[in-house]
N, C-alpha and C. Protein backbone atom coordinates (compact mmCIF):
# COMPACT_ATOMS: atom_id res chain seq x y z
N UNK A 1 -85.34 1.83 6.31
CA UNK A 1 -85.35 1.73 4.87
C UNK A 1 -86.37 2.70 4.27
N UNK A 2 -87.56 2.77 4.87
CA UNK A 2 -88.59 3.68 4.34
C UNK A 2 -88.11 5.12 4.42
N UNK A 3 -87.38 5.44 5.48
CA UNK A 3 -86.86 6.79 5.64
C UNK A 3 -85.87 7.12 4.52
N UNK A 4 -85.02 6.15 4.17
CA UNK A 4 -84.04 6.35 3.11
C UNK A 4 -84.75 6.57 1.77
N UNK A 5 -85.81 5.80 1.52
CA UNK A 5 -86.56 5.93 0.27
C UNK A 5 -87.26 7.28 0.21
N UNK A 6 -87.86 7.69 1.31
CA UNK A 6 -88.54 8.98 1.35
C UNK A 6 -87.56 10.11 1.10
N UNK A 7 -86.42 10.06 1.75
CA UNK A 7 -85.39 11.09 1.55
C UNK A 7 -84.91 11.09 0.10
N UNK A 8 -84.70 9.91 -0.45
CA UNK A 8 -84.22 9.81 -1.83
C UNK A 8 -85.22 10.44 -2.79
N UNK A 9 -86.49 10.21 -2.58
CA UNK A 9 -87.51 10.80 -3.45
C UNK A 9 -87.53 12.32 -3.33
N UNK A 10 -87.39 12.83 -2.12
CA UNK A 10 -87.39 14.29 -1.94
C UNK A 10 -86.21 14.92 -2.68
N UNK A 11 -85.03 14.33 -2.55
CA UNK A 11 -83.85 14.86 -3.23
C UNK A 11 -83.99 14.73 -4.75
N UNK A 12 -84.52 13.61 -5.20
CA UNK A 12 -84.71 13.42 -6.64
C UNK A 12 -85.72 14.42 -7.19
N UNK A 13 -86.81 14.64 -6.44
CA UNK A 13 -87.81 15.63 -6.86
C UNK A 13 -87.17 17.02 -6.96
N UNK A 14 -86.35 17.36 -5.98
CA UNK A 14 -85.68 18.67 -5.99
C UNK A 14 -84.75 18.79 -7.19
N UNK A 15 -83.97 17.74 -7.44
CA UNK A 15 -83.05 17.77 -8.58
C UNK A 15 -83.82 17.90 -9.89
N UNK A 16 -84.90 17.14 -10.00
CA UNK A 16 -85.70 17.18 -11.22
C UNK A 16 -86.30 18.58 -11.43
N UNK A 17 -86.85 19.16 -10.38
CA UNK A 17 -87.46 20.48 -10.50
C UNK A 17 -86.42 21.55 -10.84
N UNK A 18 -85.23 21.45 -10.25
CA UNK A 18 -84.17 22.41 -10.57
C UNK A 18 -83.74 22.28 -12.03
N UNK A 19 -83.56 21.04 -12.49
CA UNK A 19 -83.16 20.81 -13.87
C UNK A 19 -84.23 21.24 -14.85
N UNK A 20 -85.47 20.96 -14.53
CA UNK A 20 -86.57 21.34 -15.42
C UNK A 20 -86.74 22.84 -15.47
N UNK A 21 -86.66 23.52 -14.33
CA UNK A 21 -86.82 24.98 -14.28
C UNK A 21 -85.75 25.68 -15.11
N UNK A 22 -84.55 25.11 -15.12
CA UNK A 22 -83.45 25.71 -15.87
C UNK A 22 -83.33 25.14 -17.29
N UNK A 23 -84.27 24.27 -17.68
CA UNK A 23 -84.23 23.59 -18.98
C UNK A 23 -82.89 22.88 -19.17
N UNK A 24 -82.44 22.19 -18.11
CA UNK A 24 -81.15 21.51 -18.15
C UNK A 24 -81.27 20.06 -17.67
N UNK A 25 -82.39 19.42 -17.95
CA UNK A 25 -82.57 18.03 -17.50
C UNK A 25 -81.52 17.10 -18.09
N UNK A 26 -81.14 17.32 -19.35
CA UNK A 26 -80.12 16.47 -19.97
C UNK A 26 -78.78 16.62 -19.26
N UNK A 27 -78.44 17.85 -18.86
CA UNK A 27 -77.18 18.07 -18.13
C UNK A 27 -77.22 17.39 -16.77
N UNK A 28 -78.35 17.52 -16.08
CA UNK A 28 -78.49 16.86 -14.78
C UNK A 28 -78.38 15.34 -14.95
N UNK A 29 -79.01 14.81 -15.96
CA UNK A 29 -78.94 13.37 -16.20
C UNK A 29 -77.50 12.92 -16.43
N UNK A 30 -76.79 13.64 -17.28
CA UNK A 30 -75.40 13.30 -17.57
C UNK A 30 -74.55 13.38 -16.30
N UNK A 31 -74.68 14.47 -15.55
CA UNK A 31 -73.86 14.66 -14.35
C UNK A 31 -74.17 13.63 -13.28
N UNK A 32 -75.45 13.34 -13.06
CA UNK A 32 -75.80 12.35 -12.04
C UNK A 32 -75.38 10.95 -12.46
N UNK A 33 -75.41 10.66 -13.76
CA UNK A 33 -74.92 9.37 -14.24
C UNK A 33 -73.42 9.24 -14.00
N UNK A 34 -72.69 10.31 -14.25
CA UNK A 34 -71.24 10.29 -13.99
C UNK A 34 -70.94 10.13 -12.51
N UNK A 35 -71.73 10.79 -11.67
CA UNK A 35 -71.55 10.63 -10.23
C UNK A 35 -71.85 9.20 -9.80
N UNK A 36 -72.91 8.61 -10.38
CA UNK A 36 -73.23 7.22 -10.06
C UNK A 36 -72.08 6.30 -10.45
N UNK A 37 -71.53 6.53 -11.64
CA UNK A 37 -70.40 5.70 -12.09
C UNK A 37 -69.21 5.84 -11.15
N UNK A 38 -68.93 7.07 -10.72
CA UNK A 38 -67.81 7.31 -9.80
C UNK A 38 -68.06 6.61 -8.46
N UNK A 39 -69.31 6.62 -8.02
CA UNK A 39 -69.61 6.05 -6.71
C UNK A 39 -69.68 4.53 -6.73
N UNK A 40 -69.50 3.93 -7.87
CA UNK A 40 -69.41 2.47 -7.93
C UNK A 40 -68.06 1.99 -7.38
N UNK A 41 -67.15 2.94 -7.23
CA UNK A 41 -65.84 2.64 -6.66
C UNK A 41 -66.03 2.36 -5.17
N UNK A 42 -65.63 1.17 -4.73
CA UNK A 42 -65.85 0.76 -3.34
C UNK A 42 -65.15 1.67 -2.34
N UNK A 43 -63.96 2.11 -2.68
CA UNK A 43 -63.21 2.96 -1.75
C UNK A 43 -63.91 4.31 -1.56
N UNK A 44 -64.38 4.90 -2.67
CA UNK A 44 -65.08 6.18 -2.56
C UNK A 44 -66.35 6.01 -1.75
N UNK A 45 -67.09 4.97 -2.03
CA UNK A 45 -68.33 4.71 -1.29
C UNK A 45 -68.03 4.53 0.21
N UNK A 46 -66.97 3.81 0.51
CA UNK A 46 -66.61 3.59 1.92
C UNK A 46 -66.26 4.91 2.61
N UNK A 47 -65.55 5.79 1.92
CA UNK A 47 -65.21 7.09 2.50
C UNK A 47 -66.47 7.90 2.76
N UNK A 48 -67.37 7.95 1.78
CA UNK A 48 -68.58 8.76 1.92
C UNK A 48 -69.50 8.22 3.01
N UNK A 49 -69.50 6.93 3.24
CA UNK A 49 -70.42 6.33 4.21
C UNK A 49 -69.82 6.17 5.61
N UNK A 50 -68.52 6.37 5.73
CA UNK A 50 -67.88 6.14 7.03
C UNK A 50 -68.20 7.28 7.99
N UNK A 51 -68.78 6.98 9.14
CA UNK A 51 -69.20 8.04 10.06
C UNK A 51 -68.05 8.76 10.76
N UNK A 52 -66.87 8.13 10.83
CA UNK A 52 -65.76 8.75 11.54
C UNK A 52 -64.97 9.74 10.68
N UNK A 53 -65.18 9.71 9.37
CA UNK A 53 -64.46 10.62 8.49
C UNK A 53 -65.21 11.95 8.47
N UNK A 54 -64.50 13.05 8.74
CA UNK A 54 -65.16 14.36 8.77
C UNK A 54 -65.73 14.74 7.39
N UNK A 55 -66.81 15.51 7.43
CA UNK A 55 -67.46 15.92 6.19
C UNK A 55 -66.49 16.65 5.26
N UNK A 56 -65.64 17.51 5.79
CA UNK A 56 -64.71 18.28 4.95
C UNK A 56 -63.82 17.35 4.13
N UNK A 57 -63.39 16.26 4.71
CA UNK A 57 -62.55 15.30 3.99
C UNK A 57 -63.36 14.60 2.90
N UNK A 58 -64.61 14.25 3.22
CA UNK A 58 -65.48 13.61 2.23
C UNK A 58 -65.72 14.56 1.06
N UNK A 59 -65.96 15.82 1.37
CA UNK A 59 -66.20 16.81 0.32
C UNK A 59 -64.98 16.95 -0.58
N UNK A 60 -63.79 17.04 0.02
CA UNK A 60 -62.55 17.16 -0.77
C UNK A 60 -62.40 15.97 -1.73
N UNK A 61 -62.62 14.79 -1.20
CA UNK A 61 -62.46 13.57 -2.01
C UNK A 61 -63.46 13.57 -3.17
N UNK A 62 -64.72 13.85 -2.87
CA UNK A 62 -65.74 13.80 -3.91
C UNK A 62 -65.51 14.88 -4.96
N UNK A 63 -65.12 16.08 -4.53
CA UNK A 63 -64.83 17.15 -5.50
C UNK A 63 -63.64 16.78 -6.38
N UNK A 64 -62.63 16.12 -5.80
CA UNK A 64 -61.45 15.71 -6.58
C UNK A 64 -61.84 14.64 -7.60
N UNK A 65 -62.69 13.71 -7.19
CA UNK A 65 -63.13 12.65 -8.10
C UNK A 65 -64.00 13.22 -9.21
N UNK A 66 -64.89 14.14 -8.85
CA UNK A 66 -65.82 14.72 -9.84
C UNK A 66 -65.09 15.60 -10.84
N UNK A 67 -64.08 16.30 -10.40
CA UNK A 67 -63.34 17.18 -11.31
C UNK A 67 -64.20 18.29 -11.85
N UNK A 68 -63.86 18.76 -13.01
CA UNK A 68 -64.57 19.88 -13.64
C UNK A 68 -65.73 19.44 -14.53
N UNK A 69 -65.82 18.15 -14.85
CA UNK A 69 -66.85 17.70 -15.79
C UNK A 69 -68.24 17.61 -15.17
N UNK A 70 -68.35 17.60 -13.84
CA UNK A 70 -69.64 17.52 -13.16
C UNK A 70 -70.11 18.93 -12.82
N UNK A 71 -71.37 19.21 -13.12
CA UNK A 71 -71.94 20.52 -12.82
C UNK A 71 -71.98 20.80 -11.33
N UNK A 72 -72.01 22.06 -10.98
CA UNK A 72 -71.97 22.48 -9.58
C UNK A 72 -73.21 22.00 -8.82
N UNK A 73 -74.41 22.18 -9.40
CA UNK A 73 -75.63 21.84 -8.68
C UNK A 73 -75.77 20.35 -8.39
N UNK A 74 -75.56 19.47 -9.38
CA UNK A 74 -75.66 18.03 -9.06
C UNK A 74 -74.64 17.59 -8.01
N UNK A 75 -73.43 18.11 -8.11
CA UNK A 75 -72.40 17.76 -7.12
C UNK A 75 -72.80 18.26 -5.74
N UNK A 76 -73.30 19.49 -5.67
CA UNK A 76 -73.73 20.04 -4.39
C UNK A 76 -74.91 19.25 -3.79
N UNK A 77 -75.80 18.75 -4.64
CA UNK A 77 -76.91 17.94 -4.14
C UNK A 77 -76.39 16.67 -3.48
N UNK A 78 -75.46 16.00 -4.13
CA UNK A 78 -74.90 14.77 -3.56
C UNK A 78 -74.14 15.09 -2.28
N UNK A 79 -73.39 16.20 -2.28
CA UNK A 79 -72.67 16.59 -1.07
C UNK A 79 -73.63 16.93 0.07
N UNK A 80 -74.76 17.54 -0.26
CA UNK A 80 -75.77 17.84 0.76
C UNK A 80 -76.29 16.54 1.38
N UNK A 81 -76.52 15.54 0.55
CA UNK A 81 -76.97 14.25 1.07
C UNK A 81 -75.92 13.64 1.99
N UNK A 82 -74.66 13.77 1.62
CA UNK A 82 -73.58 13.25 2.45
C UNK A 82 -73.52 14.03 3.77
N UNK A 83 -73.62 15.35 3.69
CA UNK A 83 -73.55 16.20 4.89
C UNK A 83 -74.68 15.88 5.85
N UNK A 84 -75.85 15.57 5.31
CA UNK A 84 -77.01 15.28 6.16
C UNK A 84 -77.10 13.81 6.58
N UNK A 85 -76.02 13.07 6.33
CA UNK A 85 -75.97 11.69 6.78
C UNK A 85 -76.78 10.73 5.94
N UNK A 86 -76.96 11.03 4.66
CA UNK A 86 -77.76 10.17 3.79
C UNK A 86 -76.98 9.63 2.59
N UNK A 87 -75.73 9.25 2.75
CA UNK A 87 -74.99 8.75 1.58
C UNK A 87 -75.54 7.44 1.04
N UNK A 88 -76.17 6.64 1.90
CA UNK A 88 -76.73 5.37 1.42
C UNK A 88 -77.99 5.57 0.60
N UNK A 89 -78.58 6.75 0.65
CA UNK A 89 -79.79 7.04 -0.12
C UNK A 89 -79.47 7.58 -1.51
N UNK A 90 -78.21 7.79 -1.82
CA UNK A 90 -77.84 8.38 -3.10
C UNK A 90 -78.26 7.50 -4.27
N UNK A 91 -78.03 6.19 -4.18
CA UNK A 91 -78.43 5.29 -5.27
C UNK A 91 -79.93 5.34 -5.51
N UNK A 92 -80.72 5.31 -4.43
CA UNK A 92 -82.17 5.38 -4.58
C UNK A 92 -82.59 6.71 -5.17
N UNK A 93 -81.92 7.78 -4.81
CA UNK A 93 -82.23 9.10 -5.37
C UNK A 93 -81.97 9.10 -6.88
N UNK A 94 -80.85 8.52 -7.29
CA UNK A 94 -80.51 8.46 -8.71
C UNK A 94 -81.52 7.61 -9.48
N UNK A 95 -81.95 6.51 -8.88
CA UNK A 95 -82.96 5.65 -9.52
C UNK A 95 -84.27 6.41 -9.70
N UNK A 96 -84.70 7.11 -8.66
CA UNK A 96 -85.97 7.82 -8.75
C UNK A 96 -85.87 9.00 -9.72
N UNK A 97 -84.71 9.64 -9.80
CA UNK A 97 -84.51 10.72 -10.78
C UNK A 97 -84.72 10.17 -12.19
N UNK A 98 -84.21 8.96 -12.45
CA UNK A 98 -84.40 8.33 -13.76
C UNK A 98 -85.88 8.06 -14.03
N UNK A 99 -86.61 7.65 -13.00
CA UNK A 99 -88.06 7.42 -13.14
C UNK A 99 -88.75 8.72 -13.54
N UNK A 100 -88.41 9.81 -12.87
CA UNK A 100 -89.00 11.12 -13.19
C UNK A 100 -88.66 11.55 -14.61
N UNK A 101 -87.42 11.31 -15.03
CA UNK A 101 -87.02 11.66 -16.40
C UNK A 101 -87.82 10.86 -17.42
N UNK A 102 -87.96 9.55 -17.19
CA UNK A 102 -88.73 8.73 -18.13
C UNK A 102 -90.17 9.23 -18.22
N UNK A 103 -90.75 9.52 -17.07
CA UNK A 103 -92.13 10.01 -17.05
C UNK A 103 -92.24 11.31 -17.84
N UNK A 104 -91.31 12.22 -17.66
CA UNK A 104 -91.30 13.50 -18.37
C UNK A 104 -91.19 13.30 -19.88
N UNK A 105 -90.42 12.30 -20.27
CA UNK A 105 -90.18 12.04 -21.69
C UNK A 105 -91.19 11.09 -22.31
N UNK A 106 -92.16 10.64 -21.54
CA UNK A 106 -93.19 9.74 -22.05
C UNK A 106 -92.67 8.34 -22.32
N UNK A 107 -91.76 7.87 -21.47
CA UNK A 107 -91.17 6.55 -21.64
C UNK A 107 -91.59 5.67 -20.46
N UNK A 108 -92.06 4.47 -20.76
CA UNK A 108 -92.40 3.49 -19.73
C UNK A 108 -91.30 2.44 -19.68
N UNK A 109 -90.88 2.08 -18.48
CA UNK A 109 -89.86 1.05 -18.31
C UNK A 109 -90.56 -0.29 -18.09
N UNK A 110 -90.29 -1.24 -18.97
CA UNK A 110 -90.89 -2.57 -18.88
C UNK A 110 -89.81 -3.56 -18.42
N UNK A 111 -90.08 -4.21 -17.30
CA UNK A 111 -89.20 -5.27 -16.80
C UNK A 111 -89.77 -6.59 -17.31
N UNK A 112 -89.08 -7.21 -18.24
CA UNK A 112 -89.58 -8.45 -18.86
C UNK A 112 -88.79 -9.64 -18.30
N UNK A 113 -89.53 -10.59 -17.75
CA UNK A 113 -88.94 -11.85 -17.32
C UNK A 113 -89.44 -12.93 -18.26
N UNK A 114 -88.52 -13.72 -18.77
CA UNK A 114 -88.91 -14.80 -19.68
C UNK A 114 -88.14 -16.06 -19.33
N UNK A 115 -88.70 -17.19 -19.70
CA UNK A 115 -88.05 -18.47 -19.41
C UNK A 115 -86.78 -18.66 -20.25
N UNK A 116 -86.78 -18.10 -21.45
CA UNK A 116 -85.64 -18.18 -22.36
C UNK A 116 -85.34 -16.78 -22.89
N UNK A 117 -84.14 -16.53 -23.36
CA UNK A 117 -83.85 -15.23 -23.95
C UNK A 117 -84.76 -14.97 -25.16
N UNK A 118 -85.22 -13.73 -25.29
CA UNK A 118 -86.10 -13.37 -26.40
C UNK A 118 -85.28 -13.10 -27.66
N UNK A 119 -85.81 -13.55 -28.80
CA UNK A 119 -85.15 -13.20 -30.06
C UNK A 119 -85.62 -11.80 -30.47
N UNK A 120 -84.94 -11.22 -31.44
CA UNK A 120 -85.22 -9.84 -31.85
C UNK A 120 -86.66 -9.65 -32.32
N UNK A 121 -87.17 -10.61 -33.07
CA UNK A 121 -88.53 -10.50 -33.61
C UNK A 121 -89.57 -10.48 -32.49
N UNK A 122 -89.43 -11.41 -31.54
CA UNK A 122 -90.37 -11.48 -30.42
C UNK A 122 -90.24 -10.24 -29.53
N UNK A 123 -89.01 -9.80 -29.27
CA UNK A 123 -88.79 -8.60 -28.47
C UNK A 123 -89.46 -7.39 -29.11
N UNK A 124 -89.31 -7.26 -30.43
CA UNK A 124 -89.94 -6.14 -31.15
C UNK A 124 -91.45 -6.18 -31.08
N UNK A 125 -92.02 -7.37 -31.27
CA UNK A 125 -93.48 -7.51 -31.21
C UNK A 125 -94.00 -7.22 -29.80
N UNK A 126 -93.30 -7.72 -28.80
CA UNK A 126 -93.70 -7.49 -27.41
C UNK A 126 -93.59 -6.00 -27.06
N UNK A 127 -92.52 -5.37 -27.48
CA UNK A 127 -92.34 -3.94 -27.22
C UNK A 127 -93.44 -3.12 -27.90
N UNK A 128 -93.79 -3.47 -29.13
CA UNK A 128 -94.86 -2.76 -29.84
C UNK A 128 -96.20 -2.94 -29.12
N UNK A 129 -96.48 -4.14 -28.66
CA UNK A 129 -97.74 -4.39 -27.94
C UNK A 129 -97.78 -3.62 -26.62
N UNK A 130 -96.66 -3.58 -25.92
CA UNK A 130 -96.60 -2.84 -24.66
C UNK A 130 -96.75 -1.34 -24.90
N UNK A 131 -96.18 -0.84 -25.98
CA UNK A 131 -96.34 0.58 -26.32
C UNK A 131 -97.80 0.89 -26.61
N UNK A 132 -98.47 -0.04 -27.28
CA UNK A 132 -99.90 0.14 -27.58
C UNK A 132 -100.72 0.13 -26.27
N UNK A 133 -100.39 -0.78 -25.36
CA UNK A 133 -101.12 -0.87 -24.09
C UNK A 133 -100.91 0.35 -23.20
N UNK A 134 -99.70 0.87 -23.17
CA UNK A 134 -99.38 1.97 -22.26
C UNK A 134 -99.58 3.34 -22.87
N UNK A 135 -99.56 3.40 -24.19
CA UNK A 135 -99.63 4.71 -24.85
C UNK A 135 -98.35 5.50 -24.70
N UNK A 136 -97.26 4.83 -24.40
CA UNK A 136 -95.97 5.48 -24.20
C UNK A 136 -94.90 4.71 -24.97
N UNK A 137 -93.79 5.38 -25.18
CA UNK A 137 -92.63 4.70 -25.73
C UNK A 137 -92.11 3.76 -24.64
N UNK A 138 -91.68 2.56 -25.02
CA UNK A 138 -91.31 1.56 -24.02
C UNK A 138 -89.81 1.28 -24.07
N UNK A 139 -89.21 1.31 -22.89
CA UNK A 139 -87.82 0.93 -22.70
C UNK A 139 -87.85 -0.43 -22.00
N UNK A 140 -87.04 -1.37 -22.44
CA UNK A 140 -87.13 -2.75 -21.96
C UNK A 140 -85.88 -3.18 -21.21
N UNK A 141 -86.08 -3.81 -20.06
CA UNK A 141 -85.03 -4.53 -19.33
C UNK A 141 -85.45 -5.99 -19.31
N UNK A 142 -84.59 -6.85 -19.82
CA UNK A 142 -84.92 -8.27 -19.91
C UNK A 142 -84.14 -9.08 -18.87
N UNK A 143 -84.83 -10.08 -18.32
CA UNK A 143 -84.20 -11.01 -17.38
C UNK A 143 -84.69 -12.40 -17.71
N UNK A 144 -83.79 -13.36 -17.72
CA UNK A 144 -84.18 -14.75 -17.92
C UNK A 144 -84.47 -15.34 -16.55
N UNK A 145 -85.67 -15.92 -16.40
CA UNK A 145 -86.11 -16.53 -15.15
C UNK A 145 -86.63 -17.92 -15.48
N UNK A 146 -85.80 -18.91 -15.28
CA UNK A 146 -86.13 -20.29 -15.66
C UNK A 146 -87.30 -20.84 -14.85
N UNK A 147 -87.61 -20.23 -13.70
CA UNK A 147 -88.71 -20.72 -12.89
C UNK A 147 -90.07 -20.46 -13.55
N UNK A 148 -90.10 -19.64 -14.59
CA UNK A 148 -91.36 -19.37 -15.28
C UNK A 148 -91.81 -20.55 -16.15
N UNK A 149 -90.93 -21.47 -16.43
CA UNK A 149 -91.16 -22.66 -17.25
C UNK A 149 -91.31 -22.27 -18.72
N UNK A 150 -92.15 -21.31 -19.02
CA UNK A 150 -92.36 -20.82 -20.38
C UNK A 150 -93.13 -19.53 -20.32
N UNK A 151 -93.21 -18.81 -21.43
CA UNK A 151 -93.95 -17.56 -21.49
C UNK A 151 -93.16 -16.38 -20.94
N UNK A 152 -93.90 -15.29 -20.67
CA UNK A 152 -93.26 -14.07 -20.17
C UNK A 152 -94.12 -13.44 -19.07
N UNK A 153 -93.44 -12.65 -18.25
CA UNK A 153 -94.12 -11.80 -17.26
C UNK A 153 -93.52 -10.41 -17.41
N UNK A 154 -94.37 -9.40 -17.52
CA UNK A 154 -93.92 -8.04 -17.75
C UNK A 154 -94.47 -7.14 -16.64
N UNK A 155 -93.59 -6.34 -16.04
CA UNK A 155 -94.01 -5.37 -15.03
C UNK A 155 -93.68 -3.98 -15.55
N UNK A 156 -94.72 -3.14 -15.60
CA UNK A 156 -94.55 -1.73 -15.96
C UNK A 156 -95.14 -0.94 -14.80
N UNK A 157 -94.27 -0.33 -14.02
CA UNK A 157 -94.74 0.37 -12.83
C UNK A 157 -95.37 -0.62 -11.88
N UNK A 158 -96.63 -0.39 -11.52
CA UNK A 158 -97.34 -1.28 -10.59
C UNK A 158 -98.18 -2.33 -11.30
N UNK A 159 -98.15 -2.35 -12.63
CA UNK A 159 -98.97 -3.27 -13.40
C UNK A 159 -98.15 -4.48 -13.84
N UNK A 160 -98.71 -5.66 -13.60
CA UNK A 160 -98.06 -6.91 -13.99
C UNK A 160 -98.89 -7.59 -15.06
N UNK A 161 -98.27 -7.89 -16.19
CA UNK A 161 -98.88 -8.68 -17.26
C UNK A 161 -98.19 -10.03 -17.20
N UNK A 162 -98.91 -11.05 -16.73
CA UNK A 162 -98.28 -12.35 -16.50
C UNK A 162 -98.84 -13.38 -17.47
N UNK A 163 -98.06 -13.74 -18.46
CA UNK A 163 -98.44 -14.77 -19.43
C UNK A 163 -97.45 -15.93 -19.33
N UNK A 164 -97.06 -16.24 -18.09
CA UNK A 164 -96.10 -17.33 -17.89
C UNK A 164 -96.84 -18.65 -17.66
N UNK A 165 -96.18 -19.72 -18.01
CA UNK A 165 -96.75 -21.05 -17.80
C UNK A 165 -96.91 -21.31 -16.31
N UNK A 166 -95.95 -20.86 -15.51
CA UNK A 166 -96.03 -21.07 -14.07
C UNK A 166 -97.30 -20.45 -13.49
N UNK A 167 -97.61 -19.22 -13.87
CA UNK A 167 -98.81 -18.57 -13.31
C UNK A 167 -100.08 -19.27 -13.79
N UNK A 168 -100.07 -19.74 -15.04
CA UNK A 168 -101.25 -20.46 -15.54
C UNK A 168 -101.45 -21.77 -14.78
N UNK A 169 -100.36 -22.47 -14.49
CA UNK A 169 -100.45 -23.71 -13.72
C UNK A 169 -100.93 -23.43 -12.30
N UNK A 170 -100.46 -22.33 -11.70
CA UNK A 170 -100.90 -21.98 -10.35
C UNK A 170 -102.39 -21.63 -10.32
N UNK A 171 -102.88 -20.93 -11.34
CA UNK A 171 -104.31 -20.61 -11.41
C UNK A 171 -105.13 -21.87 -11.59
N UNK A 172 -104.64 -22.79 -12.43
CA UNK A 172 -105.34 -24.05 -12.63
C UNK A 172 -105.38 -24.86 -11.34
N UNK A 173 -104.27 -24.93 -10.63
CA UNK A 173 -104.22 -25.65 -9.35
C UNK A 173 -105.20 -25.03 -8.36
N UNK A 174 -105.25 -23.71 -8.30
CA UNK A 174 -106.18 -23.02 -7.37
C UNK A 174 -107.63 -23.37 -7.71
N UNK A 175 -107.95 -23.40 -9.00
CA UNK A 175 -109.33 -23.73 -9.40
C UNK A 175 -109.65 -25.18 -9.06
N UNK A 176 -108.71 -26.08 -9.29
CA UNK A 176 -108.95 -27.51 -9.02
C UNK A 176 -109.08 -27.78 -7.53
N UNK A 177 -108.30 -27.09 -6.72
CA UNK A 177 -108.36 -27.34 -5.27
C UNK A 177 -109.54 -26.65 -4.61
N UNK A 178 -110.15 -25.68 -5.27
CA UNK A 178 -111.29 -24.98 -4.68
C UNK A 178 -112.61 -25.71 -4.94
N UNK A 179 -112.57 -26.74 -5.77
CA UNK A 179 -113.79 -27.49 -6.11
C UNK A 179 -114.16 -28.45 -5.03
């Protein structure tokens, strides 16, 4: 797994540098998103990952699926990953490419877990506070996690802001049992 992640990062870094050098990051983003959408097809994924299918056949299939709307460089990058036996790392490469794009654009991705769905007012206030804390524009992914009991937990990169009732109860229990 670590090998797949390392490979994915190297390919994503290469794609990002190529797109940035050519001032075509938006094109790369669009093309890689379209490739990701195409690869959600189980049959295509099975063909690309099957070790008994020759590379030439995989290339023909992927080029036919991509058509003319996908740029040559992004398609060739994905084909290179397939040729080198790394088709399972493609999703991780696409994820890391998005991380690099957000960083370049000054956007922080906040993963918000809450006990109940957030209303628009609370979501806006929380997003504004997170933007103030990070100094970046904030993009939000919300998840309802009933195990939190109440409150919210927010992860931005490696930083966790935990204002959940569950974590407060766990801290209280730890203090009471340490006495």
